[in-house]
């Protein structure tokens, strides 16, 4: 399977950059994909209604999502 730094992980990281959780889904990890998508997309969705405070948590979570997809080892 894909090793760290391989093309598969790079594609997964890019996918997670544009759509949170998609990189994990590409790697076959359904539960982390759903959790990342729910929390990151939900945080971006409610951010404008709560004075942008959720972005303090959501942006690092999105970065974690990207790094998780990039460093995954099966």
PDB file of N, CA and C in Angstrom:
ATOM      1  N   UNK A   1       0.841  -1.193   0.000  1.00  0.00           N
ATOM      2  CA  UNK A   1       0.000   0.000   0.000  1.00  0.00           C
ATOM      3  C   UNK A   1       0.883   1.253   0.000  1.00  0.00           C
ATOM      4  N   UNK A   2       0.244   2.372   0.261  1.00  0.00           N
ATOM      5  CA  UNK A   2       0.957   3.648   0.191  1.00  0.00           C
ATOM      6  C   UNK A   2       1.823   3.865   1.427  1.00  0.00           C
ATOM      7  N   UNK A   3       3.039   4.322   1.199  1.00  0.00           N
ATOM      8  CA  UNK A   3       3.931   4.671   2.294  1.00  0.00           C
ATOM      9  C   UNK A   3       3.952   6.181   2.456  1.00  0.00           C
ATOM     10  N   UNK A   4       4.490   6.632   3.591  1.00  0.00           N
ATOM     11  CA  UNK A   4       4.563   8.060   3.848  1.00  0.00           C
ATOM     12  C   UNK A   4       5.359   8.745   2.740  1.00  0.00           C
ATOM     13  N   UNK A   5       4.787   9.807   2.195  1.00  0.00           N
ATOM     14  CA  UNK A   5       5.432  10.538   1.124  1.00  0.00           C
ATOM     15  C   UNK A   5       5.138   9.978  -0.248  1.00  0.00           C
ATOM     16  N   UNK A   6       4.371   8.897  -0.297  1.00  0.00           N
ATOM     17  CA  UNK A   6       4.058   8.309  -1.591  1.00  0.00           C
ATOM     18  C   UNK A   6       2.988   9.148  -2.296  1.00  0.00           C
ATOM     19  N   UNK A   7       2.792   8.863  -3.557  1.00  0.00           N
ATOM     20  CA  UNK A   7       1.820   9.628  -4.346  1.00  0.00           C
ATOM     21  C   UNK A   7       0.416   9.489  -3.778  1.00  0.00           C
ATOM     22  N   UNK A   8       0.073   8.320  -3.243  1.00  0.00           N
ATOM     23  CA  UNK A   8      -1.253   8.117  -2.665  1.00  0.00           C
ATOM     24  C   UNK A   8      -1.514   9.029  -1.482  1.00  0.00           C
ATOM     25  N   UNK A   9      -0.509   9.196  -0.638  1.00  0.00           N
ATOM     26  CA  UNK A   9      -0.684  10.068   0.521  1.00  0.00           C
ATOM     27  C   UNK A   9      -0.709  11.537   0.114  1.00  0.00           C
ATOM     28  N   UNK A  10       0.025  11.897  -0.906  1.00  0.00           N
ATOM     29  CA  UNK A  10       0.009  13.285  -1.392  1.00  0.00           C
ATOM     30  C   UNK A  10      -1.365  13.606  -1.959  1.00  0.00           C
ATOM     31  N   UNK A  11      -1.922  12.697  -2.720  1.00  0.00           N
ATOM     32  CA  UNK A  11      -3.268  12.888  -3.270  1.00  0.00           C
ATOM     33  C   UNK A  11      -4.293  12.984  -2.149  1.00  0.00           C
ATOM     34  N   UNK A  12      -4.155  12.119  -1.149  1.00  0.00           N
ATOM     35  CA  UNK A  12      -5.076  12.145  -0.014  1.00  0.00           C
ATOM     36  C   UNK A  12      -4.975  13.467   0.746  1.00  0.00           C
ATOM     37  N   UNK A  13      -3.767  13.977   0.933  1.00  0.00           N
ATOM     38  CA  UNK A  13      -3.589  15.254   1.632  1.00  0.00           C
ATOM     39  C   UNK A  13      -4.201  16.405   0.834  1.00  0.00           C
ATOM     40  N   UNK A  14      -3.994  16.404  -0.467  1.00  0.00           N
ATOM     41  CA  UNK A  14      -4.594  17.448  -1.311  1.00  0.00           C
ATOM     42  C   UNK A  14      -6.110  17.363  -1.288  1.00  0.00           C
ATOM     43  N   UNK A  15      -6.641  16.151  -1.305  1.00  0.00           N
ATOM     44  CA  UNK A  15      -8.090  15.979  -1.244  1.00  0.00           C
ATOM     45  C   UNK A  15      -8.635  16.509   0.085  1.00  0.00           C
ATOM     46  N   UNK A  16      -7.919  16.237   1.177  1.00  0.00           N
ATOM     47  CA  UNK A  16      -8.353  16.725   2.488  1.00  0.00           C
ATOM     48  C   UNK A  16      -8.233  18.239   2.600  1.00  0.00           C
ATOM     49  N   UNK A  17      -7.314  18.831   1.865  1.00  0.00           N
ATOM     50  CA  UNK A  17      -7.184  20.282   1.869  1.00  0.00           C
ATOM     51  C   UNK A  17      -8.447  20.937   1.300  1.00  0.00           C
ATOM     52  N   UNK A  18      -8.952  20.378   0.207  1.00  0.00           N
ATOM     53  CA  UNK A  18     -10.111  20.966  -0.455  1.00  0.00           C
ATOM     54  C   UNK A  18     -11.439  20.509   0.129  1.00  0.00           C
ATOM     55  N   UNK A  19     -11.471  19.288   0.674  1.00  0.00           N
ATOM     56  CA  UNK A  19     -12.715  18.723   1.213  1.00  0.00           C
ATOM     57  C   UNK A  19     -12.352  17.906   2.446  1.00  0.00           C
ATOM     58  N   UNK A  20     -12.562  18.436   3.638  1.00  0.00           N
ATOM     59  CA  UNK A  20     -12.113  17.746   4.858  1.00  0.00           C
ATOM     60  C   UNK A  20     -12.670  16.325   4.954  1.00  0.00           C
ATOM     61  N   UNK A  21     -11.788  15.371   5.183  1.00  0.00           N
ATOM     62  CA  UNK A  21     -12.181  13.982   5.326  1.00  0.00           C
ATOM     63  C   UNK A  21     -12.093  13.174   4.045  1.00  0.00           C
ATOM     64  N   UNK A  22     -11.998  13.832   2.907  1.00  0.00           N
ATOM     65  CA  UNK A  22     -11.946  13.101   1.640  1.00  0.00           C
ATOM     66  C   UNK A  22     -10.663  12.287   1.514  1.00  0.00           C
ATOM     67  N   UNK A  23      -9.569  12.802   2.024  1.00  0.00           N
ATOM     68  CA  UNK A  23      -8.310  12.061   1.984  1.00  0.00           C
ATOM     69  C   UNK A  23      -8.398  10.773   2.781  1.00  0.00           C
ATOM     70  N   UNK A  24      -9.009  10.830   3.953  1.00  0.00           N
ATOM     71  CA  UNK A  24      -9.192   9.631   4.758  1.00  0.00           C
ATOM     72  C   UNK A  24     -10.124   8.656   4.047  1.00  0.00           C
ATOM     73  N   UNK A  25     -11.140   9.166   3.377  1.00  0.00           N
ATOM     74  CA  UNK A  25     -12.066   8.307   2.636  1.00  0.00           C
ATOM     75  C   UNK A  25     -11.355   7.621   1.473  1.00  0.00           C
ATOM     76  N   UNK A  26     -10.480   8.323   0.790  1.00  0.00           N
ATOM     77  CA  UNK A  26      -9.699   7.737  -0.297  1.00  0.00           C
ATOM     78  C   UNK A  26      -8.825   6.603   0.233  1.00  0.00           C
ATOM     79  N   UNK A  27      -8.321   6.765   1.457  1.00  0.00           N
ATOM     80  CA  UNK A  27      -7.474   5.739   2.059  1.00  0.00           C
ATOM     81  C   UNK A  27      -8.281   4.586   2.650  1.00  0.00           C
ATOM     82  N   UNK A  28      -9.594   4.675   2.597  1.00  0.00           N
ATOM     83  CA  UNK A  28     -10.448   3.603   3.091  1.00  0.00           C
ATOM     84  C   UNK A  28     -10.786   3.702   4.567  1.00  0.00           C
ATOM     85  N   UNK A  29     -10.542   4.837   5.182  1.00  0.00           N
ATOM     86  CA  UNK A  29     -10.829   5.028   6.613  1.00  0.00           C
ATOM     87  C   UNK A  29     -12.122   5.826   6.731  1.00  0.00           C
ATOM     88  N   UNK A  30     -13.226   5.109   6.845  1.00  0.00           N
ATOM     89  CA  UNK A  30     -14.544   5.739   6.783  1.00  0.00           C
ATOM     90  C   UNK A  30     -14.869   6.532   8.044  1.00  0.00           C
ATOM     91  N   UNK A  31     -14.645   5.963   9.232  1.00  0.00           N
ATOM     92  CA  UNK A  31     -14.999   6.668  10.464  1.00  0.00           C
ATOM     93  C   UNK A  31     -14.215   7.973  10.647  1.00  0.00           C
ATOM     94  N   UNK A  32     -12.879   7.967  10.491  1.00  0.00           N
ATOM     95  CA  UNK A  32     -12.179   9.255  10.590  1.00  0.00           C
ATOM     96  C   UNK A  32     -12.637  10.256   9.527  1.00  0.00           C
ATOM     97  N   UNK A  33     -12.957   9.770   8.341  1.00  0.00           N
ATOM     98  CA  UNK A  33     -13.428  10.665   7.279  1.00  0.00           C
ATOM     99  C   UNK A  33     -14.725  11.349   7.691  1.00  0.00           C
ATOM    100  N   UNK A  34     -15.656  10.579   8.219  1.00  0.00           N
ATOM    101  CA  UNK A  34     -16.930  11.161   8.641  1.00  0.00           C
ATOM    102  C   UNK A  34     -16.748  12.145   9.795  1.00  0.00           C
ATOM    103  N   UNK A  35     -15.914  11.781  10.767  1.00  0.00           N
ATOM    104  CA  UNK A  35     -15.703  12.663  11.914  1.00  0.00           C
ATOM    105  C   UNK A  35     -15.027  13.964  11.506  1.00  0.00           C
ATOM    106  N   UNK A  36     -13.977  13.867  10.687  1.00  0.00           N
ATOM    107  CA  UNK A  36     -13.318  15.095  10.233  1.00  0.00           C
ATOM    108  C   UNK A  36     -14.288  15.967   9.442  1.00  0.00           C
ATOM    109  N   UNK A  37     -15.071  15.349   8.562  1.00  0.00           N
ATOM    110  CA  UNK A  37     -15.999  16.134   7.757  1.00  0.00           C
ATOM    111  C   UNK A  37     -17.049  16.818   8.630  1.00  0.00           C
ATOM    112  N   UNK A  38     -17.631  16.076   9.559  1.00  0.00           N
ATOM    113  CA  UNK A  38     -18.689  16.640  10.400  1.00  0.00           C
ATOM    114  C   UNK A  38     -18.170  17.819  11.225  1.00  0.00           C
ATOM    115  N   UNK A  39     -17.016  17.631  11.878  1.00  0.00           N
ATOM    116  CA  UNK A  39     -16.513  18.689  12.759  1.00  0.00           C
ATOM    117  C   UNK A  39     -15.938  19.876  11.990  1.00  0.00           C
ATOM    118  N   UNK A  40     -15.186  19.625  10.931  1.00  0.00           N
ATOM    119  CA  UNK A  40     -14.574  20.737  10.194  1.00  0.00           C
ATOM    120  C   UNK A  40     -15.632  21.491   9.382  1.00  0.00           C
ATOM    121  N   UNK A  41     -16.431  20.775   8.625  1.00  0.00           N
ATOM    122  CA  UNK A  41     -17.457  21.449   7.820  1.00  0.00           C
ATOM    123  C   UNK A  41     -18.494  22.120   8.717  1.00  0.00           C
ATOM    124  N   UNK A  42     -18.849  21.449   9.813  1.00  0.00           N
ATOM    125  CA  UNK A  42     -19.789  22.052  10.745  1.00  0.00           C
ATOM    126  C   UNK A  42     -19.226  23.312  11.386  1.00  0.00           C
ATOM    127  N   UNK A  43     -17.949  23.277  11.739  1.00  0.00           N
ATOM    128  CA  UNK A  43     -17.314  24.455  12.328  1.00  0.00           C
ATOM    129  C   UNK A  43     -17.242  25.618  11.359  1.00  0.00           C
ATOM    130  N   UNK A  44     -16.911  25.311  10.096  1.00  0.00           N
ATOM    131  CA  UNK A  44     -16.887  26.381   9.100  1.00  0.00           C
ATOM    132  C   UNK A  44     -18.294  26.912   8.858  1.00  0.00           C
ATOM    133  N   UNK A  45     -19.288  26.040   8.977  1.00  0.00           N
ATOM    134  CA  UNK A  45     -20.669  26.455   8.734  1.00  0.00           C
ATOM    135  C   UNK A  45     -21.229  27.362   9.813  1.00  0.00           C
ATOM    136  N   UNK A  46     -20.922  27.066  11.083  1.00  0.00           N
ATOM    137  CA  UNK A  46     -21.480  27.874  12.170  1.00  0.00           C
ATOM    138  C   UNK A  46     -20.581  29.048  12.537  1.00  0.00           C
ATOM    139  N   UNK A  47     -19.370  29.089  12.031  1.00  0.00           N
ATOM    140  CA  UNK A  47     -18.430  30.162  12.364  1.00  0.00           C
ATOM    141  C   UNK A  47     -18.978  31.559  12.179  1.00  0.00           C
ATOM    142  N   UNK A  48     -19.564  31.883  11.034  1.00  0.00           N
ATOM    143  CA  UNK A  48     -20.067  33.247  10.838  1.00  0.00           C
ATOM    144  C   UNK A  48     -21.200  33.624  11.795  1.00  0.00           C
ATOM    145  N   UNK A  49     -21.947  32.622  12.269  1.00  0.00           N
ATOM    146  CA  UNK A  49     -23.062  32.909  13.166  1.00  0.00           C
ATOM    147  C   UNK A  49     -22.620  33.078  14.618  1.00  0.00           C
ATOM    148  N   UNK A  50     -21.434  32.598  14.952  1.00  0.00           N
ATOM    149  CA  UNK A  50     -20.935  32.684  16.326  1.00  0.00           C
ATOM    150  C   UNK A  50     -19.699  33.576  16.416  1.00  0.00           C
ATOM    151  N   UNK A  51     -19.710  34.651  15.670  1.00  0.00           N
ATOM    152  CA  UNK A  51     -18.645  35.660  15.694  1.00  0.00           C
ATOM    153  C   UNK A  51     -17.269  35.095  15.355  1.00  0.00           C
ATOM    154  N   UNK A  52     -17.239  34.094  14.509  1.00  0.00           N
ATOM    155  CA  UNK A  52     -15.996  33.513  13.993  1.00  0.00           C
ATOM    156  C   UNK A  52     -15.140  32.836  15.060  1.00  0.00           C
ATOM    157  N   UNK A  53     -15.640  32.703  16.277  1.00  0.00           N
ATOM    158  CA  UNK A  53     -14.873  32.062  17.350  1.00  0.00           C
ATOM    159  C   UNK A  53     -14.573  30.595  17.057  1.00  0.00           C
ATOM    160  N   UNK A  54     -15.495  29.826  16.453  1.00  0.00           N
ATOM    161  CA  UNK A  54     -15.166  28.416  16.168  1.00  0.00           C
ATOM    162  C   UNK A  54     -13.962  28.238  15.251  1.00  0.00           C
ATOM    163  N   UNK A  55     -13.601  29.267  14.489  1.00  0.00           N
ATOM    164  CA  UNK A  55     -12.453  29.137  13.593  1.00  0.00           C
ATOM    165  C   UNK A  55     -11.156  28.904  14.359  1.00  0.00           C
ATOM    166  N   UNK A  56     -11.116  29.336  15.613  1.00  0.00           N
ATOM    167  CA  UNK A  56      -9.924  29.108  16.437  1.00  0.00           C
ATOM    168  C   UNK A  56      -9.677  27.615  16.604  1.00  0.00           C
ATOM    169  N   UNK A  57     -10.741  26.828  16.633  1.00  0.00           N
ATOM    170  CA  UNK A  57     -10.631  25.377  16.766  1.00  0.00           C
ATOM    171  C   UNK A  57     -10.640  24.694  15.410  1.00  0.00           C
ATOM    172  N   UNK A  58     -11.437  25.191  14.484  1.00  0.00           N
ATOM    173  CA  UNK A  58     -11.650  24.509  13.209  1.00  0.00           C
ATOM    174  C   UNK A  58     -10.422  24.556  12.304  1.00  0.00           C
ATOM    175  N   UNK A  59      -9.735  25.659  12.248  1.00  0.00           N
ATOM    176  CA  UNK A  59      -8.573  25.761  11.355  1.00  0.00           C
ATOM    177  C   UNK A  59      -7.470  24.785  11.766  1.00  0.00           C
ATOM    178  N   UNK A  60      -7.093  24.706  13.062  1.00  0.00           N
ATOM    179  CA  UNK A  60      -6.106  23.676  13.433  1.00  0.00           C
ATOM    180  C   UNK A  60      -6.619  22.250  13.196  1.00  0.00           C
ATOM    181  N   UNK A  61      -7.921  22.036  13.375  1.00  0.00           N
ATOM    182  CA  UNK A  61      -8.488  20.708  13.111  1.00  0.00           C
ATOM    183  C   UNK A  61      -8.388  20.356  11.628  1.00  0.00           C
ATOM    184  N   UNK A  62      -8.615  21.326  10.767  1.00  0.00           N
ATOM    185  CA  UNK A  62      -8.492  21.109   9.326  1.00  0.00           C
ATOM    186  C   UNK A  62      -7.040  20.795   8.958  1.00  0.00           C
ATOM    187  N   UNK A  63      -6.095  21.500   9.560  1.00  0.00           N
ATOM    188  CA  UNK A  63      -4.675  21.233   9.320  1.00  0.00           C
ATOM    189  C   UNK A  63      -4.316  19.833   9.802  1.00  0.00           C
ATOM    190  N   UNK A  64      -4.857  19.431  10.950  1.00  0.00           N
ATOM    191  CA  UNK A  64      -4.629  18.080  11.472  1.00  0.00           C
ATOM    192  C   UNK A  64      -5.175  17.044  10.496  1.00  0.00           C
ATOM    193  N   UNK A  65      -6.329  17.319   9.918  1.00  0.00           N
ATOM    194  CA  UNK A  65      -6.938  16.422   8.931  1.00  0.00           C
ATOM    195  C   UNK A  65      -6.004  16.220   7.734  1.00  0.00           C
ATOM    196  N   UNK A  66      -5.404  17.289   7.257  1.00  0.00           N
ATOM    197  CA  UNK A  66      -4.492  17.219   6.116  1.00  0.00           C
ATOM    198  C   UNK A  66      -3.235  16.433   6.482  1.00  0.00           C
ATOM    199  N   UNK A  67      -2.665  16.717   7.641  1.00  0.00           N
ATOM    200  CA  UNK A  67      -1.448  16.022   8.077  1.00  0.00           C
ATOM    201  C   UNK A  67      -1.732  14.550   8.326  1.00  0.00           C
ATOM    202  N   UNK A  68      -2.899  14.240   8.891  1.00  0.00           N
ATOM    203  CA  UNK A  68      -3.276  12.852   9.135  1.00  0.00           C
ATOM    204  C   UNK A  68      -3.350  12.062   7.826  1.00  0.00           C
ATOM    205  N   UNK A  69      -3.904  12.668   6.799  1.00  0.00           N
ATOM    206  CA  UNK A  69      -3.977  11.997   5.501  1.00  0.00           C
ATOM    207  C   UNK A  69      -2.588  11.829   4.890  1.00  0.00           C
ATOM    208  N   UNK A  70      -1.712  12.799   5.101  1.00  0.00           N
ATOM    209  CA  UNK A  70      -0.377  12.744   4.508  1.00  0.00           C
ATOM    210  C   UNK A  70       0.528  11.728   5.191  1.00  0.00           C
ATOM    211  N   UNK A  71       0.361  11.515   6.481  1.00  0.00           N
ATOM    212  CA  UNK A  71       1.270  10.645   7.232  1.00  0.00           C
ATOM    213  C   UNK A  71       0.709   9.254   7.497  1.00  0.00           C
ATOM    214  N   UNK A  72      -0.417   8.930   6.931  1.00  0.00           N
ATOM    215  CA  UNK A  72      -1.057   7.638   7.204  1.00  0.00           C
ATOM    216  C   UNK A  72      -0.224   6.472   6.689  1.00  0.00           C
ATOM    217  N   UNK A  73      -0.076   5.475   7.563  1.00  0.00           N
ATOM    218  CA  UNK A  73       0.558   4.209   7.178  1.00  0.00           C
ATOM    219  C   UNK A  73      -0.436   3.100   7.460  1.00  0.00           C
ATOM    220  N   UNK A  74      -0.777   2.311   6.474  1.00  0.00           N
ATOM    221  CA  UNK A  74      -1.754   1.223   6.698  1.00  0.00           C
ATOM    222  C   UNK A  74      -1.232   0.150   7.632  1.00  0.00           C
TER     223      UNK A  74
END
